[in-house]
Amino acid sequence: NIKGQNLASQQGITADDARDGFDRGVTQSSQIAKASYAKS
């Protein structure tokens, strides 16, 4: 939501880096959620 609403309209290297950081966070958090569900 933050990436889509707050960062979508931003341009530049800093905005690109922020989006990349959010993408990494999404990927890592999704992996943890899936692994946790499997453990459960």
Full PDB file with SEQRES, HELIX, SHEET, SSBOND, CRYST1, ORIGX, SCALE, CONECT and MASTER records, all heavy atoms in Angstrom:
SEQRES   1 A   40  ASN ILE LYS GLY GLN ASN LEU ALA SER GLN GLN GLY ILE          
SEQRES   2 A   40  THR ALA ASP ASP ALA ARG ASP GLY PHE ASP ARG GLY VAL          
SEQRES   3 A   40  THR GLN SER SER GLN ILE ALA LYS ALA SER TYR ALA LYS          
SEQRES   4 A   40  SER                                                          
HELIX    1 AA1 ILE A    2  ILE A    2  1                                   1    
HELIX    2 AA2 LYS A    3  LEU A    7  3                                   5    
HELIX    3 AA3 ILE A   13  LYS A   39  1                                  27    
CRYST1    1.000    1.000    1.000  90.00  90.00  90.00 P 1           1          
ORIGX1      1.000000  0.000000  0.000000        0.00000                         
ORIGX2      0.000000  1.000000  0.000000        0.00000                         
ORIGX3      0.000000  0.000000  1.000000        0.00000                         
SCALE1      1.000000  0.000000  0.000000        0.00000                         
SCALE2      0.000000  1.000000  0.000000        0.00000                         
SCALE3      0.000000  0.000000  1.000000        0.00000                         
ATOM      1  N   ASN A   1       0.827  -1.212   0.000  1.00  0.00           N  
ATOM      2  CA  ASN A   1       0.000   0.000   0.000  1.00  0.00           C  
ATOM      3  C   ASN A   1       0.858   1.258   0.000  1.00  0.00           C  
ATOM      4  O   ASN A   1       0.592   2.204  -0.741  1.00  0.00           O  
ATOM      5  CB  ASN A   1      -0.942   0.019   1.205  1.00  0.00           C  
ATOM      6  CG  ASN A   1      -2.158  -0.843   0.998  1.00  0.00           C  
ATOM      7  OD1 ASN A   1      -2.547  -1.101  -0.122  1.00  0.00           O  
ATOM      8  ND2 ASN A   1      -2.758  -1.288   2.082  1.00  0.00           N  
ATOM      9  N   ILE A   2       1.871   1.284   0.841  1.00  0.00           N  
ATOM     10  CA  ILE A   2       2.744   2.459   0.899  1.00  0.00           C  
ATOM     11  C   ILE A   2       3.447   2.656  -0.440  1.00  0.00           C  
ATOM     12  O   ILE A   2       3.500   3.768  -0.981  1.00  0.00           O  
ATOM     13  CB  ILE A   2       3.767   2.330   2.044  1.00  0.00           C  
ATOM     14  CG1 ILE A   2       3.054   2.402   3.389  1.00  0.00           C  
ATOM     15  CG2 ILE A   2       4.834   3.409   1.942  1.00  0.00           C  
ATOM     16  CD1 ILE A   2       3.935   2.063   4.573  1.00  0.00           C  
ATOM     17  N   LYS A   3       3.953   1.560  -0.987  1.00  0.00           N  
ATOM     18  CA  LYS A   3       4.656   1.649  -2.268  1.00  0.00           C  
ATOM     19  C   LYS A   3       3.707   2.134  -3.357  1.00  0.00           C  
ATOM     20  O   LYS A   3       4.051   3.011  -4.161  1.00  0.00           O  
ATOM     21  CB  LYS A   3       5.243   0.298  -2.645  1.00  0.00           C  
ATOM     22  CG  LYS A   3       6.004   0.322  -3.951  1.00  0.00           C  
ATOM     23  CD  LYS A   3       6.475  -1.063  -4.342  1.00  0.00           C  
ATOM     24  CE  LYS A   3       6.985  -1.037  -5.761  1.00  0.00           C  
ATOM     25  NZ  LYS A   3       7.039  -2.352  -6.361  1.00  0.00           N  
ATOM     26  N   GLY A   4       2.500   1.581  -3.378  1.00  0.00           N  
ATOM     27  CA  GLY A   4       1.544   1.931  -4.429  1.00  0.00           C  
ATOM     28  C   GLY A   4       0.969   3.331  -4.297  1.00  0.00           C  
ATOM     29  O   GLY A   4       0.731   4.014  -5.291  1.00  0.00           O  
ATOM     30  N   GLN A   5       0.759   3.764  -3.080  1.00  0.00           N  
ATOM     31  CA  GLN A   5       0.124   5.069  -2.873  1.00  0.00           C  
ATOM     32  C   GLN A   5       1.132   6.206  -2.738  1.00  0.00           C  
ATOM     33  O   GLN A   5       0.943   7.275  -3.312  1.00  0.00           O  
ATOM     34  CB  GLN A   5      -0.768   5.032  -1.636  1.00  0.00           C  
ATOM     35  CG  GLN A   5      -1.977   4.145  -1.808  1.00  0.00           C  
ATOM     36  CD  GLN A   5      -2.811   4.027  -0.539  1.00  0.00           C  
ATOM     37  OE1 GLN A   5      -2.513   4.665   0.457  1.00  0.00           O  
ATOM     38  NE2 GLN A   5      -3.833   3.206  -0.591  1.00  0.00           N  
ATOM     39  N   ASN A   6       2.172   5.991  -1.994  1.00  0.00           N  
ATOM     40  CA  ASN A   6       3.090   7.093  -1.678  1.00  0.00           C  
ATOM     41  C   ASN A   6       4.292   7.159  -2.606  1.00  0.00           C  
ATOM     42  O   ASN A   6       4.846   8.239  -2.823  1.00  0.00           O  
ATOM     43  CB  ASN A   6       3.576   7.000  -0.240  1.00  0.00           C  
ATOM     44  CG  ASN A   6       2.433   7.094   0.746  1.00  0.00           C  
ATOM     45  OD1 ASN A   6       1.276   7.005   0.386  1.00  0.00           O  
ATOM     46  ND2 ASN A   6       2.752   7.283   2.004  1.00  0.00           N  
ATOM     47  N   LEU A   7       4.730   6.051  -3.121  1.00  0.00           N  
ATOM     48  CA  LEU A   7       5.957   6.052  -3.927  1.00  0.00           C  
ATOM     49  C   LEU A   7       5.690   5.963  -5.426  1.00  0.00           C  
ATOM     50  O   LEU A   7       6.598   6.206  -6.222  1.00  0.00           O  
ATOM     51  CB  LEU A   7       6.863   4.889  -3.505  1.00  0.00           C  
ATOM     52  CG  LEU A   7       7.414   4.939  -2.086  1.00  0.00           C  
ATOM     53  CD1 LEU A   7       8.210   3.677  -1.781  1.00  0.00           C  
ATOM     54  CD2 LEU A   7       8.282   6.174  -1.899  1.00  0.00           C  
ATOM     55  N   ALA A   8       4.482   5.603  -5.815  1.00  0.00           N  
ATOM     56  CA  ALA A   8       4.193   5.370  -7.233  1.00  0.00           C  
ATOM     57  C   ALA A   8       4.438   6.610  -8.083  1.00  0.00           C  
ATOM     58  O   ALA A   8       4.959   6.512  -9.200  1.00  0.00           O  
ATOM     59  CB  ALA A   8       2.763   4.883  -7.396  1.00  0.00           C  
ATOM     60  N   SER A   9       4.086   7.758  -7.579  1.00  0.00           N  
ATOM     61  CA  SER A   9       4.211   8.980  -8.376  1.00  0.00           C  
ATOM     62  C   SER A   9       5.590   9.623  -8.272  1.00  0.00           C  
ATOM     63  O   SER A   9       5.891  10.565  -9.005  1.00  0.00           O  
ATOM     64  CB  SER A   9       3.145   9.988  -7.927  1.00  0.00           C  
ATOM     65  OG  SER A   9       3.357  10.338  -6.578  1.00  0.00           O  
ATOM     66  N   GLN A  10       6.421   9.129  -7.405  1.00  0.00           N  
ATOM     67  CA  GLN A  10       7.747   9.729  -7.191  1.00  0.00           C  
ATOM     68  C   GLN A  10       8.703   9.285  -8.301  1.00  0.00           C  
ATOM     69  O   GLN A  10       8.618   8.174  -8.811  1.00  0.00           O  
ATOM     70  CB  GLN A  10       8.288   9.301  -5.832  1.00  0.00           C  
ATOM     71  CG  GLN A  10       7.322   9.561  -4.711  1.00  0.00           C  
ATOM     72  CD  GLN A  10       7.862  10.523  -3.698  1.00  0.00           C  
ATOM     73  OE1 GLN A  10       9.021  10.896  -3.736  1.00  0.00           O  
ATOM     74  NE2 GLN A  10       7.005  10.927  -2.785  1.00  0.00           N  
ATOM     75  N   GLN A  11       9.625  10.149  -8.630  1.00  0.00           N  
ATOM     76  CA  GLN A  11      10.604   9.843  -9.663  1.00  0.00           C  
ATOM     77  C   GLN A  11      12.011  10.125  -9.133  1.00  0.00           C  
ATOM     78  O   GLN A  11      12.186  10.877  -8.187  1.00  0.00           O  
ATOM     79  CB  GLN A  11      10.355  10.711 -10.898  1.00  0.00           C  
ATOM     80  CG  GLN A  11       9.045  10.420 -11.577  1.00  0.00           C  
ATOM     81  CD  GLN A  11       8.832  11.325 -12.796  1.00  0.00           C  
ATOM     82  OE1 GLN A  11       9.621  12.236 -13.067  1.00  0.00           O  
ATOM     83  NE2 GLN A  11       7.774  11.055 -13.524  1.00  0.00           N  
ATOM     84  N   GLY A  12      12.969   9.466  -9.749  1.00  0.00           N  
ATOM     85  CA  GLY A  12      14.359   9.709  -9.402  1.00  0.00           C  
ATOM     86  C   GLY A  12      15.025   8.505  -8.773  1.00  0.00           C  
ATOM     87  O   GLY A  12      14.395   7.477  -8.484  1.00  0.00           O  
ATOM     88  N   ILE A  13      16.306   8.651  -8.563  1.00  0.00           N  
ATOM     89  CA  ILE A  13      17.107   7.547  -8.014  1.00  0.00           C  
ATOM     90  C   ILE A  13      16.664   7.193  -6.599  1.00  0.00           C  
ATOM     91  O   ILE A  13      16.546   6.013  -6.256  1.00  0.00           O  
ATOM     92  CB  ILE A  13      18.616   7.921  -8.036  1.00  0.00           C  
ATOM     93  CG1 ILE A  13      19.083   8.057  -9.479  1.00  0.00           C  
ATOM     94  CG2 ILE A  13      19.446   6.877  -7.307  1.00  0.00           C  
ATOM     95  CD1 ILE A  13      20.497   8.595  -9.624  1.00  0.00           C  
ATOM     96  N   THR A  14      16.416   8.200  -5.806  1.00  0.00           N  
ATOM     97  CA  THR A  14      16.001   7.950  -4.418  1.00  0.00           C  
ATOM     98  C   THR A  14      14.673   7.212  -4.381  1.00  0.00           C  
ATOM     99  O   THR A  14      14.501   6.260  -3.613  1.00  0.00           O  
ATOM    100  CB  THR A  14      15.909   9.269  -3.631  1.00  0.00           C  
ATOM    101  OG1 THR A  14      17.176   9.925  -3.693  1.00  0.00           O  
ATOM    102  CG2 THR A  14      15.534   9.017  -2.190  1.00  0.00           C  
ATOM    103  N   ALA A  15      13.732   7.612  -5.218  1.00  0.00           N  
ATOM    104  CA  ALA A  15      12.420   6.939  -5.280  1.00  0.00           C  
ATOM    105  C   ALA A  15      12.586   5.507  -5.769  1.00  0.00           C  
ATOM    106  O   ALA A  15      11.950   4.585  -5.246  1.00  0.00           O  
ATOM    107  CB  ALA A  15      11.468   7.716  -6.175  1.00  0.00           C  
ATOM    108  N   ASP A  16      13.453   5.317  -6.770  1.00  0.00           N  
ATOM    109  CA  ASP A  16      13.717   3.959  -7.275  1.00  0.00           C  
ATOM    110  C   ASP A  16      14.335   3.088  -6.176  1.00  0.00           C  
ATOM    111  O   ASP A  16      13.948   1.922  -6.011  1.00  0.00           O  
ATOM    112  CB  ASP A  16      14.656   4.004  -8.480  1.00  0.00           C  
ATOM    113  CG  ASP A  16      14.005   4.607  -9.722  1.00  0.00           C  
ATOM    114  OD1 ASP A  16      12.756   4.686  -9.759  1.00  0.00           O  
ATOM    115  OD2 ASP A  16      14.758   5.020 -10.637  1.00  0.00           O  
ATOM    116  N   ASP A  17      15.278   3.645  -5.449  1.00  0.00           N  
ATOM    117  CA  ASP A  17      15.896   2.905  -4.337  1.00  0.00           C  
ATOM    118  C   ASP A  17      14.856   2.565  -3.268  1.00  0.00           C  
ATOM    119  O   ASP A  17      14.874   1.453  -2.711  1.00  0.00           O  
ATOM    120  CB  ASP A  17      17.034   3.710  -3.707  1.00  0.00           C  
ATOM    121  CG  ASP A  17      18.275   3.764  -4.576  1.00  0.00           C  
ATOM    122  OD1 ASP A  17      18.358   2.976  -5.551  1.00  0.00           O  
ATOM    123  OD2 ASP A  17      19.157   4.597  -4.284  1.00  0.00           O  
ATOM    124  N   ALA A  18      13.980   3.502  -2.969  1.00  0.00           N  
ATOM    125  CA  ALA A  18      12.938   3.249  -1.967  1.00  0.00           C  
ATOM    126  C   ALA A  18      12.009   2.141  -2.445  1.00  0.00           C  
ATOM    127  O   ALA A  18      11.662   1.240  -1.680  1.00  0.00           O  
ATOM    128  CB  ALA A  18      12.149   4.531  -1.689  1.00  0.00           C  
ATOM    129  N   ARG A  19      11.594   2.182  -3.710  1.00  0.00           N  
ATOM    130  CA  ARG A  19      10.723   1.121  -4.254  1.00  0.00           C  
ATOM    131  C   ARG A  19      11.436  -0.236  -4.212  1.00  0.00           C  
ATOM    132  O   ARG A  19      10.828  -1.249  -3.872  1.00  0.00           O  
ATOM    133  CB  ARG A  19      10.286   1.474  -5.673  1.00  0.00           C  
ATOM    134  CG  ARG A  19       9.133   2.458  -5.713  1.00  0.00           C  
ATOM    135  CD  ARG A  19       8.575   2.606  -7.126  1.00  0.00           C  
ATOM    136  NE  ARG A  19       9.459   3.385  -7.984  1.00  0.00           N  
ATOM    137  CZ  ARG A  19       9.474   4.723  -8.034  1.00  0.00           C  
ATOM    138  NH1 ARG A  19       8.651   5.419  -7.270  1.00  0.00           N  
ATOM    139  NH2 ARG A  19      10.310   5.339  -8.840  1.00  0.00           N  
ATOM    140  N   ASP A  20      12.730  -0.233  -4.553  1.00  0.00           N  
ATOM    141  CA  ASP A  20      13.507  -1.486  -4.487  1.00  0.00           C  
ATOM    142  C   ASP A  20      13.549  -2.015  -3.052  1.00  0.00           C  
ATOM    143  O   ASP A  20      13.419  -3.228  -2.820  1.00  0.00           O  
ATOM    144  CB  ASP A  20      14.929  -1.277  -5.004  1.00  0.00           C  
ATOM    145  CG  ASP A  20      15.004  -1.072  -6.511  1.00  0.00           C  
ATOM    146  OD1 ASP A  20      14.008  -1.376  -7.207  1.00  0.00           O  
ATOM    147  OD2 ASP A  20      16.071  -0.596  -6.990  1.00  0.00           O  
ATOM    148  N   GLY A  21      13.727  -1.111  -2.108  1.00  0.00           N  
ATOM    149  CA  GLY A  21      13.725  -1.519  -0.699  1.00  0.00           C  
ATOM    150  C   GLY A  21      12.383  -2.098  -0.278  1.00  0.00           C  
ATOM    151  O   GLY A  21      12.327  -3.115   0.422  1.00  0.00           O  
ATOM    152  N   PHE A  22      11.314  -1.477  -0.716  1.00  0.00           N  
ATOM    153  CA  PHE A  22       9.983  -2.004  -0.402  1.00  0.00           C  
ATOM    154  C   PHE A  22       9.782  -3.368  -1.067  1.00  0.00           C  
ATOM    155  O   PHE A  22       9.206  -4.273  -0.459  1.00  0.00           O  
ATOM    156  CB  PHE A  22       8.892  -1.014  -0.845  1.00  0.00           C  
ATOM    157  CG  PHE A  22       8.594   0.027   0.192  1.00  0.00           C  
ATOM    158  CD1 PHE A  22       9.424   1.127   0.357  1.00  0.00           C  
ATOM    159  CD2 PHE A  22       7.479  -0.095   1.014  1.00  0.00           C  
ATOM    160  CE1 PHE A  22       9.157   2.085   1.317  1.00  0.00           C  
ATOM    161  CE2 PHE A  22       7.204   0.860   1.980  1.00  0.00           C  
ATOM    162  CZ  PHE A  22       8.049   1.959   2.132  1.00  0.00           C  
ATOM    163  N   ASP A  23      10.257  -3.511  -2.301  1.00  0.00           N  
ATOM    164  CA  ASP A  23      10.145  -4.809  -2.986  1.00  0.00           C  
ATOM    165  C   ASP A  23      10.896  -5.897  -2.232  1.00  0.00           C  
ATOM    166  O   ASP A  23      10.401  -7.024  -2.084  1.00  0.00           O  
ATOM    167  CB  ASP A  23      10.675  -4.717  -4.420  1.00  0.00           C  
ATOM    168  CG  ASP A  23       9.752  -3.916  -5.337  1.00  0.00           C  
ATOM    169  OD1 ASP A  23       8.559  -3.753  -4.994  1.00  0.00           O  
ATOM    170  OD2 ASP A  23      10.238  -3.445  -6.390  1.00  0.00           O  
ATOM    171  N   ARG A  24      12.101  -5.575  -1.748  1.00  0.00           N  
ATOM    172  CA  ARG A  24      12.862  -6.566  -0.960  1.00  0.00           C  
ATOM    173  C   ARG A  24      12.103  -6.915   0.323  1.00  0.00           C  
ATOM    174  O   ARG A  24      12.040  -8.078   0.716  1.00  0.00           O  
ATOM    175  CB  ARG A  24      14.259  -6.029  -0.635  1.00  0.00           C  
ATOM    176  CG  ARG A  24      15.233  -6.097  -1.791  1.00  0.00           C  
ATOM    177  CD  ARG A  24      16.673  -5.809  -1.361  1.00  0.00           C  
ATOM    178  NE  ARG A  24      16.836  -4.525  -0.675  1.00  0.00           N  
ATOM    179  CZ  ARG A  24      16.982  -3.350  -1.284  1.00  0.00           C  
ATOM    180  NH1 ARG A  24      16.990  -3.287  -2.602  1.00  0.00           N  
ATOM    181  NH2 ARG A  24      17.134  -2.238  -0.589  1.00  0.00           N  
ATOM    182  N   GLY A  25      11.541  -5.890   0.962  1.00  0.00           N  
ATOM    183  CA  GLY A  25      10.757  -6.135   2.174  1.00  0.00           C  
ATOM    184  C   GLY A  25       9.562  -7.017   1.903  1.00  0.00           C  
ATOM    185  O   GLY A  25       9.242  -7.920   2.687  1.00  0.00           O  
ATOM    186  N   VAL A  26       8.885  -6.781   0.789  1.00  0.00           N  
ATOM    187  CA  VAL A  26       7.728  -7.606   0.412  1.00  0.00           C  
ATOM    188  C   VAL A  26       8.169  -9.048   0.172  1.00  0.00           C  
ATOM    189  O   VAL A  26       7.538 -10.002   0.661  1.00  0.00           O  
ATOM    190  CB  VAL A  26       7.016  -7.023  -0.833  1.00  0.00           C  
ATOM    191  CG1 VAL A  26       6.056  -8.024  -1.448  1.00  0.00           C  
ATOM    192  CG2 VAL A  26       6.302  -5.730  -0.474  1.00  0.00           C  
ATOM    193  N   THR A  27       9.257  -9.210  -0.573  1.00  0.00           N  
ATOM    194  CA  THR A  27       9.751 -10.562  -0.876  1.00  0.00           C  
ATOM    195  C   THR A  27      10.132 -11.309   0.401  1.00  0.00           C  
ATOM    196  O   THR A  27       9.710 -12.457   0.610  1.00  0.00           O  
ATOM    197  CB  THR A  27      10.962 -10.485  -1.828  1.00  0.00           C  
ATOM    198  OG1 THR A  27      10.553  -9.849  -3.045  1.00  0.00           O  
ATOM    199  CG2 THR A  27      11.525 -11.866  -2.124  1.00  0.00           C  
ATOM    200  N   GLN A  28      10.919 -10.665   1.251  1.00  0.00           N  
ATOM    201  CA  GLN A  28      11.365 -11.320   2.485  1.00  0.00           C  
ATOM    202  C   GLN A  28      10.188 -11.615   3.416  1.00  0.00           C  
ATOM    203  O   GLN A  28      10.102 -12.713   3.990  1.00  0.00           O  
ATOM    204  CB  GLN A  28      12.402 -10.459   3.199  1.00  0.00           C  
ATOM    205  CG  GLN A  28      13.714 -10.383   2.468  1.00  0.00           C  
ATOM    206  CD  GLN A  28      14.679  -9.370   3.078  1.00  0.00           C  
ATOM    207  OE1 GLN A  28      14.306  -8.561   3.925  1.00  0.00           O  
ATOM    208  NE2 GLN A  28      15.926  -9.400   2.626  1.00  0.00           N  
ATOM    209  N   SER A  29       9.289 -10.667   3.553  1.00  0.00           N  
ATOM    210  CA  SER A  29       8.143 -10.858   4.449  1.00  0.00           C  
ATOM    211  C   SER A  29       7.214 -11.940   3.924  1.00  0.00           C  
ATOM    212  O   SER A  29       6.661 -12.720   4.703  1.00  0.00           O  
ATOM    213  CB  SER A  29       7.388  -9.544   4.629  1.00  0.00           C  
ATOM    214  OG  SER A  29       8.228  -8.592   5.252  1.00  0.00           O  
ATOM    215  N   SER A  30       7.046 -12.000   2.608  1.00  0.00           N  
ATOM    216  CA  SER A  30       6.221 -13.056   2.009  1.00  0.00           C  
ATOM    217  C   SER A  30       6.828 -14.427   2.256  1.00  0.00           C  
ATOM    218  O   SER A  30       6.116 -15.394   2.563  1.00  0.00           O  
ATOM    219  CB  SER A  30       6.057 -12.823   0.508  1.00  0.00           C  
ATOM    220  OG  SER A  30       5.311 -11.673   0.248  1.00  0.00           O  
ATOM    221  N   GLN A  31       8.150 -14.511   2.136  1.00  0.00           N  
ATOM    222  CA  GLN A  31       8.829 -15.785   2.392  1.00  0.00           C  
ATOM    223  C   GLN A  31       8.652 -16.221   3.844  1.00  0.00           C  
ATOM    224  O   GLN A  31       8.396 -17.396   4.120  1.00  0.00           O  
ATOM    225  CB  GLN A  31      10.314 -15.677   2.044  1.00  0.00           C  
ATOM    226  CG  GLN A  31      10.584 -15.573   0.569  1.00  0.00           C  
ATOM    227  CD  GLN A  31      12.037 -15.241   0.256  1.00  0.00           C  
ATOM    228  OE1 GLN A  31      12.819 -14.860   1.124  1.00  0.00           O  
ATOM    229  NE2 GLN A  31      12.406 -15.380  -1.006  1.00  0.00           N  
ATOM    230  N   ILE A  32       8.781 -15.275   4.755  1.00  0.00           N  
ATOM    231  CA  ILE A  32       8.606 -15.589   6.174  1.00  0.00           C  
ATOM    232  C   ILE A  32       7.167 -16.019   6.440  1.00  0.00           C  
ATOM    233  O   ILE A  32       6.924 -16.991   7.165  1.00  0.00           O  
ATOM    234  CB  ILE A  32       9.001 -14.390   7.060  1.00  0.00           C  
ATOM    235  CG1 ILE A  32      10.506 -14.136   6.962  1.00  0.00           C  
ATOM    236  CG2 ILE A  32       8.597 -14.622   8.512  1.00  0.00           C  
ATOM    237  CD1 ILE A  32      10.962 -12.830   7.588  1.00  0.00           C  
ATOM    238  N   ALA A  33       6.204 -15.333   5.843  1.00  0.00           N  
ATOM    239  CA  ALA A  33       4.795 -15.683   6.034  1.00  0.00           C  
ATOM    240  C   ALA A  33       4.512 -17.089   5.519  1.00  0.00           C  
ATOM    241  O   ALA A  33       3.836 -17.882   6.185  1.00  0.00           O  
ATOM    242  CB  ALA A  33       3.893 -14.669   5.342  1.00  0.00           C  
ATOM    243  N   LYS A  34       5.036 -17.410   4.341  1.00  0.00           N  
ATOM    244  CA  LYS A  34       4.819 -18.743   3.765  1.00  0.00           C  
ATOM    245  C   LYS A  34       5.486 -19.830   4.609  1.00  0.00           C  
ATOM    246  O   LYS A  34       4.908 -20.883   4.858  1.00  0.00           O  
ATOM    247  CB  LYS A  34       5.332 -18.798   2.330  1.00  0.00           C  
ATOM    248  CG  LYS A  34       4.467 -18.044   1.359  1.00  0.00           C  
ATOM    249  CD  LYS A  34       5.067 -18.042  -0.038  1.00  0.00           C  
ATOM    250  CE  LYS A  34       4.262 -17.134  -0.955  1.00  0.00           C  
ATOM    251  NZ  LYS A  34       4.874 -16.977  -2.268  1.00  0.00           N  
ATOM    252  N   ALA A  35       6.715 -19.576   5.034  1.00  0.00           N  
ATOM    253  CA  ALA A  35       7.429 -20.558   5.865  1.00  0.00           C  
ATOM    254  C   ALA A  35       6.715 -20.749   7.201  1.00  0.00           C  
ATOM    255  O   ALA A  35       6.591 -21.882   7.690  1.00  0.00           O  
ATOM    256  CB  ALA A  35       8.870 -20.112   6.087  1.00  0.00           C  
ATOM    257  N   SER A  36       6.232 -19.660   7.770  1.00  0.00           N  
ATOM    258  CA  SER A  36       5.520 -19.753   9.046  1.00  0.00           C  
ATOM    259  C   SER A  36       4.220 -20.529   8.890  1.00  0.00           C  
ATOM    260  O   SER A  36       3.858 -21.338   9.749  1.00  0.00           O  
ATOM    261  CB  SER A  36       5.228 -18.353   9.599  1.00  0.00           C  
ATOM    262  OG  SER A  36       6.430 -17.683   9.870  1.00  0.00           O  
ATOM    263  N   TYR A  37       3.522 -20.300   7.793  1.00  0.00           N  
ATOM    264  CA  TYR A  37       2.284 -21.043   7.537  1.00  0.00           C  
ATOM    265  C   TYR A  37       2.585 -22.540   7.393  1.00  0.00           C  
ATOM    266  O   TYR A  37       1.863 -23.381   7.937  1.00  0.00           O  
ATOM    267  CB  TYR A  37       1.582 -20.512   6.285  1.00  0.00           C  
ATOM    268  CG  TYR A  37       0.299 -21.236   5.999  1.00  0.00           C  
ATOM    269  CD1 TYR A  37      -0.857 -20.941   6.716  1.00  0.00           C  
ATOM    270  CD2 TYR A  37       0.245 -22.245   5.045  1.00  0.00           C  
ATOM    271  CE1 TYR A  37      -2.036 -21.629   6.479  1.00  0.00           C  
ATOM    272  CE2 TYR A  37      -0.921 -22.937   4.807  1.00  0.00           C  
ATOM    273  CZ  TYR A  37      -2.058 -22.618   5.520  1.00  0.00           C  
ATOM    274  OH  TYR A  37      -3.222 -23.318   5.287  1.00  0.00           O  
ATOM    275  N   ALA A  38       3.658 -22.863   6.679  1.00  0.00           N  
ATOM    276  CA  ALA A  38       4.044 -24.271   6.515  1.00  0.00           C  
ATOM    277  C   ALA A  38       4.390 -24.901   7.864  1.00  0.00           C  
ATOM    278  O   ALA A  38       4.000 -26.045   8.150  1.00  0.00           O  
ATOM    279  CB  ALA A  38       5.226 -24.386   5.552  1.00  0.00           C  
ATOM    280  N   LYS A  39       5.099 -24.165   8.712  1.00  0.00           N  
ATOM    281  CA  LYS A  39       5.429 -24.679  10.045  1.00  0.00           C  
ATOM    282  C   LYS A  39       4.169 -24.890  10.870  1.00  0.00           C  
ATOM    283  O   LYS A  39       4.031 -25.900  11.570  1.00  0.00           O  
ATOM    284  CB  LYS A  39       6.372 -23.717  10.779  1.00  0.00           C  
ATOM    285  CG  LYS A  39       7.778 -23.710  10.243  1.00  0.00           C  
ATOM    286  CD  LYS A  39       8.635 -22.688  10.973  1.00  0.00           C  
ATOM    287  CE  LYS A  39       9.997 -22.557  10.347  1.00  0.00           C  
ATOM    288  NZ  LYS A  39      10.813 -21.533  11.015  1.00  0.00           N  
ATOM    289  N   SER A  40       3.256 -23.947  10.794  1.00  0.00           N  
ATOM    290  CA  SER A  40       2.004 -24.078  11.528  1.00  0.00           C  
ATOM    291  C   SER A  40       1.238 -25.309  11.069  1.00  0.00           C  
ATOM    292  O   SER A  40       0.703 -26.061  11.884  1.00  0.00           O  
ATOM    293  CB  SER A  40       1.155 -22.820  11.337  1.00  0.00           C  
ATOM    294  OG  SER A  40      -0.104 -22.973  11.942  1.00  0.00           O  
TER     295      SER A  40                                                      
MASTER        0    0    0    3    0    0    0    6  294    1    0    4          
END                                                                             
